C-alpha atoms as a PDB file:
ATOM      1  CA  UNK A   1     -16.124  21.290 -19.214  1.00  0.00           C
ATOM      2  CA  UNK A   2     -14.813  23.438 -22.079  1.00  0.00           C
ATOM      3  CA  UNK A   3     -12.569  26.478 -22.109  1.00  0.00           C
ATOM      4  CA  UNK A   4     -12.694  29.199 -24.700  1.00  0.00           C
ATOM      5  CA  UNK A   5      -9.464  30.784 -25.797  1.00  0.00           C
ATOM      6  CA  UNK A   6      -9.521  33.641 -28.276  1.00  0.00           C
ATOM      7  CA  UNK A   7      -6.540  35.177 -29.977  1.00  0.00           C
ATOM      8  CA  UNK A   8      -5.969  37.841 -32.575  1.00  0.00           C
ATOM      9  CA  UNK A   9      -3.501  37.799 -35.411  1.00  0.00           C
ATOM     10  CA  UNK A  10      -1.648  41.083 -35.727  1.00  0.00           C
ATOM     11  CA  UNK A  11      -0.288  42.479 -38.989  1.00  0.00           C
ATOM     12  CA  UNK A  12       3.088  40.804 -38.461  1.00  0.00           C
ATOM     13  CA  UNK A  13       1.345  37.479 -37.760  1.00  0.00           C
ATOM     14  CA  UNK A  14      -0.683  37.829 -40.942  1.00  0.00           C
ATOM     15  CA  UNK A  15       2.496  38.704 -42.836  1.00  0.00           C
ATOM     16  CA  UNK A  16       4.012  35.448 -41.565  1.00  0.00           C
ATOM     17  CA  UNK A  17       1.045  33.412 -42.811  1.00  0.00           C
ATOM     18  CA  UNK A  18       0.998  35.320 -46.124  1.00  0.00           C
ATOM     19  CA  UNK A  19       4.637  34.352 -46.622  1.00  0.00           C
ATOM     20  CA  UNK A  20       3.742  30.730 -45.976  1.00  0.00           C
ATOM     21  CA  UNK A  21       0.943  31.092 -48.521  1.00  0.00           C
ATOM     22  CA  UNK A  22       3.369  32.550 -51.083  1.00  0.00           C
ATOM     23  CA  UNK A  23       5.611  29.523 -50.611  1.00  0.00           C
ATOM     24  CA  UNK A  24       2.604  27.245 -50.997  1.00  0.00           C
ATOM     25  CA  UNK A  25       1.685  29.137 -54.163  1.00  0.00           C
ATOM     26  CA  UNK A  26       5.111  28.375 -55.646  1.00  0.00           C
ATOM     27  CA  UNK A  27       4.620  24.704 -54.732  1.00  0.00           C
ATOM     28  CA  UNK A  28       1.124  24.755 -56.227  1.00  0.00           C
ATOM     29  CA  UNK A  29       2.490  25.673 -59.657  1.00  0.00           C
ATOM     30  CA  UNK A  30       4.343  22.352 -59.804  1.00  0.00           C
ATOM     31  CA  UNK A  31       1.374  20.196 -58.748  1.00  0.00           C
ATOM     32  CA  UNK A  32      -1.460  19.108 -61.010  1.00  0.00           C
ATOM     33  CA  UNK A  33      -4.892  20.429 -60.055  1.00  0.00           C
ATOM     34  CA  UNK A  34      -6.251  16.949 -59.357  1.00  0.00           C
ATOM     35  CA  UNK A  35      -3.444  16.311 -56.827  1.00  0.00           C
ATOM     36  CA  UNK A  36      -4.157  19.555 -54.977  1.00  0.00           C
ATOM     37  CA  UNK A  37      -7.863  18.735 -54.791  1.00  0.00           C
ATOM     38  CA  UNK A  38      -7.183  15.125 -53.771  1.00  0.00           C
ATOM     39  CA  UNK A  39      -4.797  16.241 -51.000  1.00  0.00           C
ATOM     40  CA  UNK A  40      -7.346  18.686 -49.588  1.00  0.00           C
ATOM     41  CA  UNK A  41     -10.094  16.040 -49.767  1.00  0.00           C
ATOM     42  CA  UNK A  42      -7.791  13.486 -48.120  1.00  0.00           C
ATOM     43  CA  UNK A  43      -6.988  15.852 -45.259  1.00  0.00           C
ATOM     44  CA  UNK A  44     -10.702  16.381 -44.653  1.00  0.00           C
ATOM     45  CA  UNK A  45     -11.522  12.687 -44.679  1.00  0.00           C
ATOM     46  CA  UNK A  46      -8.453  11.606 -42.686  1.00  0.00           C
ATOM     47  CA  UNK A  47      -9.070  13.928 -39.760  1.00  0.00           C
ATOM     48  CA  UNK A  48     -12.861  14.312 -39.791  1.00  0.00           C
ATOM     49  CA  UNK A  49     -14.227  13.681 -36.328  1.00  0.00           C
ATOM     50  CA  UNK A  50     -10.781  13.308 -34.755  1.00  0.00           C
ATOM     51  CA  UNK A  51      -9.863  16.975 -34.357  1.00  0.00           C
ATOM     52  CA  UNK A  52     -11.016  19.711 -32.002  1.00  0.00           C
ATOM     53  CA  UNK A  53     -14.179  21.586 -32.923  1.00  0.00           C
ATOM     54  CA  UNK A  54     -12.291  24.730 -33.974  1.00  0.00           C
ATOM     55  CA  UNK A  55     -10.646  22.673 -36.718  1.00  0.00           C
ATOM     56  CA  UNK A  56     -13.731  20.612 -37.593  1.00  0.00           C
ATOM     57  CA  UNK A  57     -15.807  23.713 -38.356  1.00  0.00           C
ATOM     58  CA  UNK A  58     -13.120  24.956 -40.713  1.00  0.00           C
ATOM     59  CA  UNK A  59     -12.884  21.625 -42.522  1.00  0.00           C
ATOM     60  CA  UNK A  60     -16.359  22.300 -43.891  1.00  0.00           C
ATOM     61  CA  UNK A  61     -14.997  25.466 -45.491  1.00  0.00           C
ATOM     62  CA  UNK A  62     -12.138  23.507 -47.002  1.00  0.00           C
ATOM     63  CA  UNK A  63     -14.560  20.937 -48.417  1.00  0.00           C
ATOM     64  CA  UNK A  64     -16.678  23.753 -49.858  1.00  0.00           C
ATOM     65  CA  UNK A  65     -13.668  25.215 -51.659  1.00  0.00           C
ATOM     66  CA  UNK A  66     -12.902  21.839 -53.223  1.00  0.00           C
ATOM     67  CA  UNK A  67     -16.545  21.476 -54.260  1.00  0.00           C
ATOM     68  CA  UNK A  68     -16.508  24.950 -55.855  1.00  0.00           C
ATOM     69  CA  UNK A  69     -13.618  23.964 -58.104  1.00  0.00           C
ATOM     70  CA  UNK A  70     -15.127  20.591 -59.005  1.00  0.00           C
ATOM     71  CA  UNK A  71     -18.673  21.837 -59.694  1.00  0.00           C
ATOM     72  CA  UNK A  72     -18.979  21.930 -63.486  1.00  0.00           C
ATOM     73  CA  UNK A  73     -22.205  23.914 -63.328  1.00  0.00           C
ATOM     74  CA  UNK A  74     -20.587  26.725 -61.328  1.00  0.00           C
ATOM     75  CA  UNK A  75     -17.922  27.410 -63.979  1.00  0.00           C
ATOM     76  CA  UNK A  76     -15.642  29.665 -61.952  1.00  0.00           C
ATOM     77  CA  UNK A  77     -13.232  31.964 -63.737  1.00  0.00           C
ATOM     78  CA  UNK A  78      -9.666  30.890 -64.338  1.00  0.00           C
ATOM     79  CA  UNK A  79      -8.460  33.549 -61.856  1.00  0.00           C
ATOM     80  CA  UNK A  80     -10.832  32.419 -59.099  1.00  0.00           C
ATOM     81  CA  UNK A  81      -9.912  28.794 -59.771  1.00  0.00           C
ATOM     82  CA  UNK A  82      -6.239  29.707 -59.476  1.00  0.00           C
ATOM     83  CA  UNK A  83      -6.849  31.594 -56.204  1.00  0.00           C
ATOM     84  CA  UNK A  84      -8.677  28.633 -54.697  1.00  0.00           C
ATOM     85  CA  UNK A  85      -6.042  26.150 -55.848  1.00  0.00           C
ATOM     86  CA  UNK A  86      -3.330  28.394 -54.412  1.00  0.00           C
ATOM     87  CA  UNK A  87      -5.126  28.366 -51.083  1.00  0.00           C
ATOM     88  CA  UNK A  88      -5.608  24.616 -51.221  1.00  0.00           C
ATOM     89  CA  UNK A  89      -1.951  24.137 -52.167  1.00  0.00           C
ATOM     90  CA  UNK A  90      -0.946  24.695 -48.562  1.00  0.00           C
ATOM     91  CA  UNK A  91      -2.625  21.412 -47.670  1.00  0.00           C
ATOM     92  CA  UNK A  92      -0.452  19.528 -50.160  1.00  0.00           C
ATOM     93  CA  UNK A  93       2.676  20.256 -48.139  1.00  0.00           C
ATOM     94  CA  UNK A  94       3.337  17.607 -45.476  1.00  0.00           C
ATOM     95  CA  UNK A  95       5.602  20.056 -43.594  1.00  0.00           C
ATOM     96  CA  UNK A  96       3.415  22.689 -42.060  1.00  0.00           C
ATOM     97  CA  UNK A  97       3.972  25.192 -39.258  1.00  0.00           C
ATOM     98  CA  UNK A  98       2.684  23.006 -36.421  1.00  0.00           C
ATOM     99  CA  UNK A  99       3.245  19.271 -36.997  1.00  0.00           C
ATOM    100  CA  UNK A 100      -0.147  17.596 -37.373  1.00  0.00           C
ATOM    101  CA  UNK A 101       0.739  14.864 -34.875  1.00  0.00           C
ATOM    102  CA  UNK A 102       1.002  17.433 -32.031  1.00  0.00           C
ATOM    103  CA  UNK A 103      -1.982  16.717 -29.753  1.00  0.00           C
ATOM    104  CA  UNK A 104      -4.826  19.283 -29.810  1.00  0.00           C
ATOM    105  CA  UNK A 105      -2.777  22.005 -31.542  1.00  0.00           C
ATOM    106  CA  UNK A 106      -1.435  20.010 -34.490  1.00  0.00           C
ATOM    107  CA  UNK A 107      -4.064  21.385 -36.821  1.00  0.00           C
ATOM    108  CA  UNK A 108      -4.087  24.954 -35.467  1.00  0.00           C
ATOM    109  CA  UNK A 109      -2.041  26.243 -38.408  1.00  0.00           C
ATOM    110  CA  UNK A 110      -4.309  24.378 -40.818  1.00  0.00           C
ATOM    111  CA  UNK A 111      -7.372  25.969 -39.206  1.00  0.00           C
ATOM    112  CA  UNK A 112      -5.768  29.414 -39.475  1.00  0.00           C
ATOM    113  CA  UNK A 113      -4.867  28.888 -43.124  1.00  0.00           C
ATOM    114  CA  UNK A 114      -8.364  27.622 -43.945  1.00  0.00           C
ATOM    115  CA  UNK A 115      -9.830  30.667 -42.243  1.00  0.00           C
ATOM    116  CA  UNK A 116      -7.532  33.082 -44.084  1.00  0.00           C
ATOM    117  CA  UNK A 117      -8.165  31.443 -47.447  1.00  0.00           C
ATOM    118  CA  UNK A 118     -11.935  31.362 -46.847  1.00  0.00           C
ATOM    119  CA  UNK A 119     -11.883  35.007 -45.738  1.00  0.00           C
ATOM    120  CA  UNK A 120     -10.029  36.015 -48.871  1.00  0.00           C
ATOM    121  CA  UNK A 121     -12.657  34.243 -50.971  1.00  0.00           C
ATOM    122  CA  UNK A 122     -15.727  35.320 -48.987  1.00  0.00           C
ATOM    123  CA  UNK A 123     -17.462  36.889 -51.990  1.00  0.00           C
ATOM    124  CA  UNK A 124     -16.907  33.778 -54.104  1.00  0.00           C
ATOM    125  CA  UNK A 125     -18.055  31.446 -51.331  1.00  0.00           C
ATOM    126  CA  UNK A 126     -21.230  33.444 -50.683  1.00  0.00           C
ATOM    127  CA  UNK A 127     -22.040  33.545 -54.395  1.00  0.00           C
ATOM    128  CA  UNK A 128     -21.436  29.813 -54.750  1.00  0.00           C
ATOM    129  CA  UNK A 129     -23.629  28.991 -51.756  1.00  0.00           C
ATOM    130  CA  UNK A 130     -26.386  31.187 -53.188  1.00  0.00           C
ATOM    131  CA  UNK A 131     -25.985  29.422 -56.543  1.00  0.00           C
ATOM    132  CA  UNK A 132     -26.314  26.003 -54.871  1.00  0.00           C
ATOM    133  CA  UNK A 133     -29.414  27.102 -52.949  1.00  0.00           C
ATOM    134  CA  UNK A 134     -30.929  28.474 -56.154  1.00  0.00           C
ATOM    135  CA  UNK A 135     -30.058  25.313 -58.090  1.00  0.00           C
ATOM    136  CA  UNK A 136     -31.601  23.078 -55.424  1.00  0.00           C
ATOM    137  CA  UNK A 137     -34.794  25.130 -55.127  1.00  0.00           C
ATOM    138  CA  UNK A 138     -35.250  25.601 -58.876  1.00  0.00           C
ATOM    139  CA  UNK A 139     -34.624  21.923 -59.531  1.00  0.00           C
ATOM    140  CA  UNK A 140     -37.918  21.060 -57.885  1.00  0.00           C
ATOM    141  CA  UNK A 141     -39.937  23.775 -59.657  1.00  0.00           C
ATOM    142  CA  UNK A 142     -41.641  23.299 -62.966  1.00  0.00           C
ATOM    143  CA  UNK A 143     -40.219  25.307 -65.847  1.00  0.00           C
ATOM    144  CA  UNK A 144     -41.738  26.929 -68.895  1.00  0.00           C
ATOM    145  CA  UNK A 145     -41.218  25.024 -72.077  1.00  0.00           C
ATOM    146  CA  UNK A 146     -38.119  26.250 -73.862  1.00  0.00           C
ATOM    147  CA  UNK A 147     -36.261  27.303 -70.709  1.00  0.00           C
ATOM    148  CA  UNK A 148     -33.629  24.687 -70.061  1.00  0.00           C
ATOM    149  CA  UNK A 149     -31.722  23.909 -66.888  1.00  0.00           C
ATOM    150  CA  UNK A 150     -28.643  25.207 -68.654  1.00  0.00           C
ATOM    151  CA  UNK A 151     -30.409  28.530 -69.355  1.00  0.00           C
ATOM    152  CA  UNK A 152     -31.640  29.231 -65.828  1.00  0.00           C
ATOM    153  CA  UNK A 153     -28.345  28.168 -64.257  1.00  0.00           C
ATOM    154  CA  UNK A 154     -26.399  30.318 -66.721  1.00  0.00           C
ATOM    155  CA  UNK A 155     -28.543  33.368 -65.896  1.00  0.00           C
ATOM    156  CA  UNK A 156     -28.091  32.925 -62.145  1.00  0.00           C
ATOM    157  CA  UNK A 157     -24.379  32.154 -62.467  1.00  0.00           C
ATOM    158  CA  UNK A 158     -23.878  35.289 -64.591  1.00  0.00           C
ATOM    159  CA  UNK A 159     -25.726  37.421 -62.029  1.00  0.00           C
ATOM    160  CA  UNK A 160     -23.668  36.083 -59.130  1.00  0.00           C
ATOM    161  CA  UNK A 161     -20.290  36.202 -60.850  1.00  0.00           C
ATOM    162  CA  UNK A 162     -20.973  39.768 -61.998  1.00  0.00           C
ATOM    163  CA  UNK A 163     -21.587  40.680 -58.363  1.00  0.00           C
ATOM    164  CA  UNK A 164     -18.319  38.992 -57.338  1.00  0.00           C
ATOM    165  CA  UNK A 165     -16.393  40.882 -60.053  1.00  0.00           C
ATOM    166  CA  UNK A 166     -17.920  44.158 -58.913  1.00  0.00           C
ATOM    167  CA  UNK A 167     -16.870  43.453 -55.327  1.00  0.00           C
ATOM    168  CA  UNK A 168     -13.371  42.511 -56.473  1.00  0.00           C
ATOM    169  CA  UNK A 169     -13.175  45.783 -58.404  1.00  0.00           C
ATOM    170  CA  UNK A 170     -14.153  47.613 -55.209  1.00  0.00           C
ATOM    171  CA  UNK A 171     -11.365  45.794 -53.424  1.00  0.00           C
ATOM    172  CA  UNK A 172      -8.870  46.778 -56.079  1.00  0.00           C
ATOM    173  CA  UNK A 173      -9.835  50.414 -55.566  1.00  0.00           C
ATOM    174  CA  UNK A 174      -9.333  49.997 -51.798  1.00  0.00           C
ATOM    175  CA  UNK A 175     -12.982  50.035 -50.751  1.00  0.00           C
ATOM    176  CA  UNK A 176     -13.385  46.635 -49.118  1.00  0.00           C
ATOM    177  CA  UNK A 177     -11.879  44.039 -46.729  1.00  0.00           C
ATOM    178  CA  UNK A 178      -8.489  42.347 -46.524  1.00  0.00           C
ATOM    179  CA  UNK A 179      -7.539  39.669 -49.036  1.00  0.00           C
ATOM    180  CA  UNK A 180      -4.741  37.161 -48.666  1.00  0.00           C
ATOM    181  CA  UNK A 181      -3.870  36.865 -52.358  1.00  0.00           C
END
Protein backbone atom coordinates (compact mmCIF):
# COMPACT_ATOMS: atom_id res chain seq x y z
CA UNK A 1 0.00 0.00 0.00
CA UNK A 2 1.30 3.49 -0.81
CA UNK A 3 0.40 6.89 0.59
CA UNK A 4 0.61 10.11 -1.33
CA UNK A 5 1.71 13.22 0.50
CA UNK A 6 1.79 16.53 -1.32
CA UNK A 7 3.26 19.75 -0.03
CA UNK A 8 3.77 23.23 -1.38
CA UNK A 9 6.77 25.45 -0.92
CA UNK A 10 5.79 28.99 -0.03
CA UNK A 11 7.83 32.07 -0.92
CA UNK A 12 9.73 31.94 2.38
CA UNK A 13 10.50 28.24 1.80
CA UNK A 14 11.79 29.02 -1.68
CA UNK A 15 13.85 31.87 -0.25
CA UNK A 16 15.43 29.37 2.15
CA UNK A 17 16.37 27.02 -0.69
CA UNK A 18 17.61 29.94 -2.83
CA UNK A 19 19.93 30.92 0.01
CA UNK A 20 21.24 27.37 0.14
CA UNK A 21 21.77 27.55 -3.62
CA UNK A 22 23.68 30.84 -3.25
CA UNK A 23 25.97 29.17 -0.73
CA UNK A 24 26.42 26.24 -3.10
CA UNK A 25 27.23 28.71 -5.87
CA UNK A 26 30.05 30.19 -3.78
CA UNK A 27 31.35 26.65 -3.17
CA UNK A 28 31.05 25.85 -6.87
CA UNK A 29 33.49 28.63 -7.78
CA UNK A 30 36.25 26.82 -5.88
CA UNK A 31 35.61 23.39 -7.43
CA UNK A 32 36.77 22.28 -10.86
CA UNK A 33 34.00 21.48 -13.33
CA UNK A 34 35.01 17.82 -13.58
CA UNK A 35 34.66 17.42 -9.78
CA UNK A 36 31.16 18.93 -9.79
CA UNK A 37 30.09 16.62 -12.61
CA UNK A 38 31.73 13.59 -10.99
CA UNK A 39 30.02 14.31 -7.65
CA UNK A 40 26.60 14.58 -9.29
CA UNK A 41 27.21 11.38 -11.28
CA UNK A 42 28.42 9.61 -8.12
CA UNK A 43 25.30 10.62 -6.20
CA UNK A 44 23.13 9.22 -8.99
CA UNK A 45 24.99 5.93 -9.16
CA UNK A 46 25.38 5.51 -5.39
CA UNK A 47 21.69 5.86 -4.60
CA UNK A 48 20.03 4.58 -7.78
CA UNK A 49 17.40 2.02 -6.89
CA UNK A 50 17.82 2.51 -3.14
CA UNK A 51 15.75 5.66 -2.67
CA UNK A 52 12.02 6.35 -2.69
CA UNK A 53 10.37 6.90 -6.05
CA UNK A 54 10.01 10.66 -5.52
CA UNK A 55 13.80 10.89 -5.41
CA UNK A 56 14.45 8.31 -8.14
CA UNK A 57 12.38 10.23 -10.70
CA UNK A 58 14.37 13.37 -9.97
CA UNK A 59 17.70 11.58 -10.32
CA UNK A 60 16.95 11.23 -14.03
CA UNK A 61 16.76 15.02 -14.24
CA UNK A 62 20.09 15.31 -12.46
CA UNK A 63 21.67 12.83 -14.87
CA UNK A 64 20.24 14.80 -17.80
CA UNK A 65 21.83 18.01 -16.53
CA UNK A 66 25.21 16.30 -16.30
CA UNK A 67 24.76 14.91 -19.82
CA UNK A 68 23.89 18.38 -21.15
CA UNK A 69 27.18 19.78 -19.90
CA UNK A 70 29.22 16.83 -21.17
CA UNK A 71 27.62 16.62 -24.63
CA UNK A 72 30.15 18.18 -27.00
CA UNK A 73 27.64 18.33 -29.83
CA UNK A 74 25.19 20.41 -27.78
CA UNK A 75 27.71 23.22 -27.16
CA UNK A 76 25.82 25.12 -24.48
CA UNK A 77 26.68 28.74 -23.81
CA UNK A 78 29.11 29.65 -21.07
CA UNK A 79 26.24 31.22 -19.07
CA UNK A 80 24.02 28.14 -19.33
CA UNK A 81 26.97 25.92 -18.45
CA UNK A 82 27.64 28.08 -15.40
CA UNK A 83 23.97 27.93 -14.34
CA UNK A 84 23.92 24.15 -14.60
CA UNK A 85 27.21 23.77 -12.73
CA UNK A 86 25.91 26.10 -10.02
CA UNK A 87 22.86 23.90 -9.64
CA UNK A 88 24.96 20.76 -9.59
CA UNK A 89 27.33 22.32 -7.05
CA UNK A 90 24.81 21.66 -4.31
CA UNK A 91 25.45 17.94 -4.73
CA UNK A 92 29.16 18.42 -4.07
CA UNK A 93 28.50 19.46 -0.49
CA UNK A 94 28.40 16.49 1.90
CA UNK A 95 26.49 18.60 4.46
CA UNK A 96 23.02 19.13 3.16
CA UNK A 97 19.77 20.17 4.82
CA UNK A 98 18.52 16.67 5.64
CA UNK A 99 21.33 14.17 6.30
CA UNK A 100 21.28 11.55 3.54
CA UNK A 101 21.43 8.68 6.03
CA UNK A 102 18.00 9.63 7.47
CA UNK A 103 15.64 6.82 6.39
CA UNK A 104 13.09 7.70 3.67
CA UNK A 105 13.52 11.48 4.01
CA UNK A 106 17.31 11.71 3.75
CA UNK A 107 17.16 12.69 0.11
CA UNK A 108 14.10 14.95 0.35
CA UNK A 109 16.23 18.10 0.22
CA UNK A 110 18.17 16.68 -2.72
CA UNK A 111 14.91 15.97 -4.56
CA UNK A 112 13.71 19.52 -3.87
CA UNK A 113 16.97 21.03 -5.09
CA UNK A 114 16.95 18.89 -8.24
CA UNK A 115 13.39 19.98 -8.92
CA UNK A 116 14.18 23.67 -8.39
CA UNK A 117 17.29 23.52 -10.54
CA UNK A 118 15.46 21.61 -13.29
CA UNK A 119 12.56 24.07 -13.14
CA UNK A 120 14.92 26.99 -13.50
CA UNK A 121 16.45 25.36 -16.57
CA UNK A 122 13.22 24.08 -18.14
CA UNK A 123 13.78 25.88 -21.45
CA UNK A 124 17.32 24.53 -21.73
CA UNK A 125 16.26 20.99 -20.81
CA UNK A 126 13.41 20.97 -23.33
CA UNK A 127 15.69 22.29 -26.07
CA UNK A 128 18.36 19.71 -25.26
CA UNK A 129 15.86 16.85 -25.28
CA UNK A 130 14.54 18.05 -28.64
CA UNK A 131 18.12 18.24 -29.93
CA UNK A 132 18.80 14.66 -28.80
CA UNK A 133 15.59 13.40 -30.43
CA UNK A 134 16.50 15.22 -33.64
CA UNK A 135 20.06 13.89 -33.56
CA UNK A 136 18.87 10.31 -33.04
CA UNK A 137 16.23 10.48 -35.78
CA UNK A 138 18.46 12.26 -38.30
CA UNK A 139 21.32 9.86 -37.64
CA UNK A 140 19.38 7.08 -39.31
CA UNK A 141 18.28 9.15 -42.32
CA UNK A 142 20.27 9.46 -45.49
CA UNK A 143 21.70 12.89 -46.20
CA UNK A 144 22.34 14.84 -49.36
CA UNK A 145 25.93 14.90 -50.44
CA UNK A 146 27.68 17.95 -49.05
CA UNK A 147 25.53 18.24 -45.93
CA UNK A 148 27.61 16.98 -43.05
CA UNK A 149 26.53 15.82 -39.61
CA UNK A 150 28.21 18.91 -38.25
CA UNK A 151 26.09 21.12 -40.54
CA UNK A 152 22.69 19.65 -39.69
CA UNK A 153 23.46 19.53 -35.97
CA UNK A 154 24.71 23.12 -36.04
CA UNK A 155 21.51 24.30 -37.76
CA UNK A 156 19.26 22.54 -35.25
CA UNK A 157 21.37 23.63 -32.28
CA UNK A 158 21.25 27.25 -33.48
CA UNK A 159 17.46 27.08 -33.87
CA UNK A 160 16.97 25.65 -30.39
CA UNK A 161 19.42 27.91 -28.59
CA UNK A 162 17.90 30.96 -30.28
CA UNK A 163 14.53 29.88 -28.89
CA UNK A 164 16.04 29.47 -25.41
CA UNK A 165 17.62 32.96 -25.60
CA UNK A 166 14.30 34.44 -26.67
CA UNK A 167 12.55 32.80 -23.72
CA UNK A 168 15.27 34.01 -21.36
CA UNK A 169 14.81 37.54 -22.72
CA UNK A 170 11.08 37.22 -22.00
CA UNK A 171 11.94 36.19 -18.47
CA UNK A 172 14.22 39.16 -18.04
CA UNK A 173 11.36 41.44 -19.05
CA UNK A 174 9.11 39.71 -16.49
CA UNK A 175 6.93 37.75 -18.90
CA UNK A 176 7.60 34.17 -17.86
CA UNK A 177 7.99 31.71 -14.94
CA UNK A 178 10.13 31.71 -11.81
CA UNK A 179 13.86 31.04 -12.05
CA UNK A 180 16.14 30.06 -9.20
CA UNK A 181 19.28 31.77 -10.50
